[in-house]
C-alpha atoms as a PDB file:
ATOM      1  CA  UNK A   1     -24.444 -15.595  17.002  1.00  0.00           C
ATOM      2  CA  UNK A   2     -23.679 -19.346  17.389  1.00  0.00           C
ATOM      3  CA  UNK A   3     -20.299 -20.812  17.859  1.00  0.00           C
ATOM      4  CA  UNK A   4     -20.367 -22.078  14.463  1.00  0.00           C
ATOM      5  CA  UNK A   5     -21.389 -18.798  12.840  1.00  0.00           C
ATOM      6  CA  UNK A   6     -18.259 -17.561  14.903  1.00  0.00           C
ATOM      7  CA  UNK A   7     -15.741 -19.885  13.182  1.00  0.00           C
ATOM      8  CA  UNK A   8     -17.106 -19.350   9.923  1.00  0.00           C
ATOM      9  CA  UNK A   9     -16.468 -15.443  10.206  1.00  0.00           C
ATOM     10  CA  UNK A  10     -13.231 -16.196  11.630  1.00  0.00           C
ATOM     11  CA  UNK A  11     -12.139 -18.551   9.053  1.00  0.00           C
ATOM     12  CA  UNK A  12     -13.279 -15.891   6.387  1.00  0.00           C
ATOM     13  CA  UNK A  13     -11.394 -13.293   8.193  1.00  0.00           C
ATOM     14  CA  UNK A  14      -8.133 -15.109   8.096  1.00  0.00           C
ATOM     15  CA  UNK A  15      -8.654 -15.777   4.571  1.00  0.00           C
ATOM     16  CA  UNK A  16      -8.861 -12.288   3.530  1.00  0.00           C
ATOM     17  CA  UNK A  17      -5.828 -11.306   5.420  1.00  0.00           C
ATOM     18  CA  UNK A  18      -3.995 -14.010   3.749  1.00  0.00           C
ATOM     19  CA  UNK A  19      -5.259 -12.408   0.420  1.00  0.00           C
ATOM     20  CA  UNK A  20      -4.270  -9.010   1.574  1.00  0.00           C
ATOM     21  CA  UNK A  21      -0.861 -10.049   2.562  1.00  0.00           C
ATOM     22  CA  UNK A  22      -0.136 -11.205  -1.014  1.00  0.00           C
ATOM     23  CA  UNK A  23      -1.916  -7.933  -2.826  1.00  0.00           C
ATOM     24  CA  UNK A  24       0.789  -5.625  -3.926  1.00  0.00           C
ATOM     25  CA  UNK A  25      -0.457  -2.037  -4.698  1.00  0.00           C
ATOM     26  CA  UNK A  26       1.997   0.267  -6.717  1.00  0.00           C
ATOM     27  CA  UNK A  27       1.685   4.072  -6.680  1.00  0.00           C
ATOM     28  CA  UNK A  28       3.881   6.606  -8.352  1.00  0.00           C
ATOM     29  CA  UNK A  29       4.667   9.998  -7.313  1.00  0.00           C
ATOM     30  CA  UNK A  30       6.881  12.954  -9.307  1.00  0.00           C
ATOM     31  CA  UNK A  31       5.579  11.474 -12.715  1.00  0.00           C
ATOM     32  CA  UNK A  32       7.448   8.212 -11.907  1.00  0.00           C
ATOM     33  CA  UNK A  33      10.178   9.639  -9.969  1.00  0.00           C
ATOM     34  CA  UNK A  34       9.271   7.828  -6.807  1.00  0.00           C
ATOM     35  CA  UNK A  35       7.190   4.207  -6.770  1.00  0.00           C
ATOM     36  CA  UNK A  36       5.961   2.802  -3.749  1.00  0.00           C
ATOM     37  CA  UNK A  37       4.931  -0.754  -3.236  1.00  0.00           C
ATOM     38  CA  UNK A  38       2.776  -1.841  -0.471  1.00  0.00           C
ATOM     39  CA  UNK A  39       0.718  -4.789   0.596  1.00  0.00           C
ATOM     40  CA  UNK A  40      -2.823  -4.884   1.183  1.00  0.00           C
ATOM     41  CA  UNK A  41      -2.016  -5.247   4.759  1.00  0.00           C
ATOM     42  CA  UNK A  42      -0.417  -1.575   4.450  1.00  0.00           C
ATOM     43  CA  UNK A  43       3.148  -2.684   4.984  1.00  0.00           C
ATOM     44  CA  UNK A  44       5.856  -1.060   2.425  1.00  0.00           C
ATOM     45  CA  UNK A  45       7.639  -3.456   0.517  1.00  0.00           C
ATOM     46  CA  UNK A  46       9.433  -1.274  -1.527  1.00  0.00           C
ATOM     47  CA  UNK A  47      10.483   2.352  -2.454  1.00  0.00           C
ATOM     48  CA  UNK A  48      12.112   3.077  -5.840  1.00  0.00           C
ATOM     49  CA  UNK A  49      13.569   6.519  -6.544  1.00  0.00           C
ATOM     50  CA  UNK A  50      14.610   7.110  -9.932  1.00  0.00           C
ATOM     51  CA  UNK A  51      18.172   9.216  -9.553  1.00  0.00           C
ATOM     52  CA  UNK A  52      17.796  10.700 -13.171  1.00  0.00           C
ATOM     53  CA  UNK A  53      14.551  12.647 -11.509  1.00  0.00           C
ATOM     54  CA  UNK A  54      16.035  14.045  -8.675  1.00  0.00           C
ATOM     55  CA  UNK A  55      17.541  17.130  -8.506  1.00  0.00           C
ATOM     56  CA  UNK A  56      19.983  16.801  -5.299  1.00  0.00           C
ATOM     57  CA  UNK A  57      19.529  20.944  -5.103  1.00  0.00           C
ATOM     58  CA  UNK A  58      15.926  20.747  -4.684  1.00  0.00           C
ATOM     59  CA  UNK A  59      15.794  17.786  -2.242  1.00  0.00           C
ATOM     60  CA  UNK A  60      12.185  19.316  -1.181  1.00  0.00           C
ATOM     61  CA  UNK A  61      10.592  17.972  -4.348  1.00  0.00           C
ATOM     62  CA  UNK A  62      11.897  14.429  -3.593  1.00  0.00           C
ATOM     63  CA  UNK A  63      10.425  14.834  -0.004  1.00  0.00           C
ATOM     64  CA  UNK A  64       7.219  15.789  -1.048  1.00  0.00           C
ATOM     65  CA  UNK A  65       6.958  13.105  -3.851  1.00  0.00           C
ATOM     66  CA  UNK A  66       7.890  10.162  -1.236  1.00  0.00           C
ATOM     67  CA  UNK A  67       5.272  11.695   1.201  1.00  0.00           C
ATOM     68  CA  UNK A  68       2.325  12.118  -1.852  1.00  0.00           C
ATOM     69  CA  UNK A  69       3.478   8.645  -2.939  1.00  0.00           C
ATOM     70  CA  UNK A  70       2.966   7.133   0.451  1.00  0.00           C
ATOM     71  CA  UNK A  71      -0.044   8.620   1.326  1.00  0.00           C
ATOM     72  CA  UNK A  72      -1.852   7.585  -2.005  1.00  0.00           C
ATOM     73  CA  UNK A  73      -0.253   3.812  -1.287  1.00  0.00           C
ATOM     74  CA  UNK A  74      -2.093   3.753   1.958  1.00  0.00           C
ATOM     75  CA  UNK A  75      -5.387   4.928   0.834  1.00  0.00           C
ATOM     76  CA  UNK A  76      -5.337   2.799  -1.962  1.00  0.00           C
ATOM     77  CA  UNK A  77      -4.521  -0.165   0.305  1.00  0.00           C
ATOM     78  CA  UNK A  78      -7.429   0.811   2.569  1.00  0.00           C
ATOM     79  CA  UNK A  79      -9.529   0.798  -0.410  1.00  0.00           C
ATOM     80  CA  UNK A  80      -8.675  -2.706  -1.132  1.00  0.00           C
ATOM     81  CA  UNK A  81      -9.077  -4.057   2.195  1.00  0.00           C
ATOM     82  CA  UNK A  82     -12.157  -2.393   2.471  1.00  0.00           C
ATOM     83  CA  UNK A  83     -13.355  -4.321  -0.967  1.00  0.00           C
ATOM     84  CA  UNK A  84     -12.183  -7.349   0.263  1.00  0.00           C
ATOM     85  CA  UNK A  85     -14.019  -7.333   3.874  1.00  0.00           C
END
């Protein structure tokens, strides 16, 4: 691979990285009780918890919803990154 080709590929990678940084993916858990926002770079931007949907006597549900939503958000961001590469 020539240096010109390497430079072009590097520029393309940097462009994709910029796009992924701006990409925001939103995933819900617990029927909307938990909402996770993550970037295409797999950095969590925000987690929203609906206080009306949370039963403090059953915090295990909230933990499960958070775990599921975060895992789904990461999976989704990986798919987006793979599509752009």
